[in-house]
N, C-alpha and C. Protein backbone atom coordinates (compact mmCIF):
# COMPACT_ATOMS: atom_id res chain seq x y z
N MET A 1 106.47 339.07 -54.14
CA MET A 1 107.36 338.62 -55.18
C MET A 1 108.74 339.23 -54.97
N ALA A 2 109.77 338.41 -55.08
CA ALA A 2 111.13 338.88 -54.84
C ALA A 2 111.61 339.74 -56.01
N ASP A 3 112.51 340.65 -55.68
CA ASP A 3 113.11 341.49 -56.73
C ASP A 3 114.05 340.65 -57.58
N TYR A 4 114.14 341.02 -58.85
CA TYR A 4 115.03 340.30 -59.78
C TYR A 4 116.48 340.60 -59.45
N GLN A 5 117.29 339.55 -59.36
CA GLN A 5 118.71 339.70 -59.10
C GLN A 5 119.49 338.95 -60.18
N PRO A 6 120.19 339.66 -61.07
CA PRO A 6 120.93 339.01 -62.14
C PRO A 6 121.94 337.99 -61.59
N GLY A 7 121.97 336.82 -62.23
CA GLY A 7 122.93 335.79 -61.84
C GLY A 7 122.50 334.90 -60.70
N LYS A 8 121.32 335.08 -60.17
CA LYS A 8 120.86 334.30 -59.02
C LYS A 8 119.91 333.17 -59.39
N MET A 9 119.51 333.08 -60.65
CA MET A 9 118.53 332.07 -61.07
C MET A 9 119.20 330.71 -61.24
N ASP A 10 118.52 329.65 -60.83
CA ASP A 10 119.03 328.29 -61.02
C ASP A 10 118.76 327.86 -62.46
N ILE A 11 119.82 327.66 -63.23
CA ILE A 11 119.66 327.34 -64.66
C ILE A 11 120.18 325.95 -64.99
N ARG A 12 120.29 325.08 -64.01
CA ARG A 12 120.81 323.72 -64.26
C ARG A 12 119.96 322.96 -65.26
N VAL A 13 118.65 323.10 -65.20
CA VAL A 13 117.76 322.38 -66.12
C VAL A 13 117.98 322.89 -67.55
N GLN A 14 118.09 324.21 -67.72
CA GLN A 14 118.32 324.76 -69.04
C GLN A 14 119.67 324.32 -69.59
N GLU A 15 120.70 324.30 -68.74
CA GLU A 15 122.03 323.87 -69.18
C GLU A 15 122.02 322.40 -69.60
N LYS A 16 121.31 321.57 -68.85
CA LYS A 16 121.21 320.14 -69.17
C LYS A 16 120.46 319.95 -70.50
N THR A 17 119.39 320.70 -70.70
CA THR A 17 118.63 320.63 -71.95
C THR A 17 119.49 321.06 -73.13
N PHE A 18 120.22 322.15 -72.97
CA PHE A 18 121.07 322.65 -74.05
C PHE A 18 122.18 321.66 -74.37
N ALA A 19 122.77 321.04 -73.35
CA ALA A 19 123.82 320.04 -73.58
C ALA A 19 123.26 318.85 -74.34
N GLY A 20 122.05 318.42 -74.01
CA GLY A 20 121.41 317.33 -74.74
C GLY A 20 121.14 317.71 -76.18
N PHE A 21 120.70 318.94 -76.41
CA PHE A 21 120.45 319.42 -77.77
C PHE A 21 121.74 319.43 -78.59
N VAL A 22 122.82 319.94 -78.01
CA VAL A 22 124.11 319.98 -78.71
C VAL A 22 124.59 318.56 -79.02
N ARG A 23 124.43 317.64 -78.10
CA ARG A 23 124.82 316.25 -78.32
C ARG A 23 124.00 315.64 -79.46
N PHE A 24 122.69 315.88 -79.46
CA PHE A 24 121.82 315.37 -80.52
C PHE A 24 122.23 315.92 -81.89
N VAL A 25 122.47 317.22 -81.97
CA VAL A 25 122.87 317.84 -83.23
C VAL A 25 124.20 317.28 -83.71
N THR A 26 125.13 317.08 -82.79
CA THR A 26 126.44 316.53 -83.15
C THR A 26 126.29 315.13 -83.74
N TYR A 27 125.53 314.27 -83.07
CA TYR A 27 125.31 312.91 -83.57
C TYR A 27 124.58 312.93 -84.92
N ALA A 28 123.61 313.82 -85.06
CA ALA A 28 122.86 313.92 -86.32
C ALA A 28 123.77 314.33 -87.47
N VAL A 29 124.64 315.30 -87.23
CA VAL A 29 125.55 315.76 -88.28
C VAL A 29 126.52 314.64 -88.66
N VAL A 30 127.04 313.92 -87.69
CA VAL A 30 127.95 312.81 -87.98
C VAL A 30 127.22 311.74 -88.78
N ALA A 31 126.00 311.42 -88.40
CA ALA A 31 125.23 310.40 -89.12
C ALA A 31 124.96 310.85 -90.55
N ILE A 32 124.63 312.11 -90.75
CA ILE A 32 124.37 312.61 -92.11
C ILE A 32 125.62 312.56 -92.96
N VAL A 33 126.76 312.94 -92.40
CA VAL A 33 128.02 312.89 -93.15
C VAL A 33 128.36 311.46 -93.53
N ILE A 34 128.21 310.53 -92.60
CA ILE A 34 128.48 309.12 -92.90
C ILE A 34 127.54 308.63 -94.00
N PHE A 35 126.27 309.02 -93.93
CA PHE A 35 125.30 308.62 -94.95
C PHE A 35 125.67 309.19 -96.31
N LEU A 36 126.09 310.45 -96.35
CA LEU A 36 126.49 311.06 -97.63
C LEU A 36 127.73 310.40 -98.20
N VAL A 37 128.69 310.05 -97.36
CA VAL A 37 129.89 309.34 -97.84
C VAL A 37 129.49 307.97 -98.39
N PHE A 38 128.60 307.29 -97.70
CA PHE A 38 128.12 305.99 -98.19
C PHE A 38 127.45 306.15 -99.55
N LEU A 39 126.61 307.16 -99.71
CA LEU A 39 125.96 307.38 -100.99
C LEU A 39 126.97 307.66 -102.10
N ALA A 40 127.98 308.45 -101.78
CA ALA A 40 129.00 308.78 -102.77
C ALA A 40 129.78 307.53 -103.18
N LEU A 41 130.10 306.68 -102.23
CA LEU A 41 130.85 305.46 -102.54
C LEU A 41 129.99 304.43 -103.27
N ALA A 42 128.73 304.32 -102.91
CA ALA A 42 127.84 303.35 -103.52
C ALA A 42 127.45 303.75 -104.94
N ASN A 43 127.50 305.04 -105.22
CA ASN A 43 127.09 305.54 -106.53
C ASN A 43 128.28 305.60 -107.50
N GLY A 44 129.48 305.43 -106.96
CA GLY A 44 130.70 305.62 -107.74
C GLY A 44 130.89 304.66 -108.81
């Protein structure tokens, strides 16, 4: 087994997963805000 070397691990998969998660959360927050504005206008 090789010795651990900080900074040498391939993390492209983790970075891609995290970017997808951030994109999903961003779209979800925008959708929720739009839905809340619609509710506020429809209830007015």
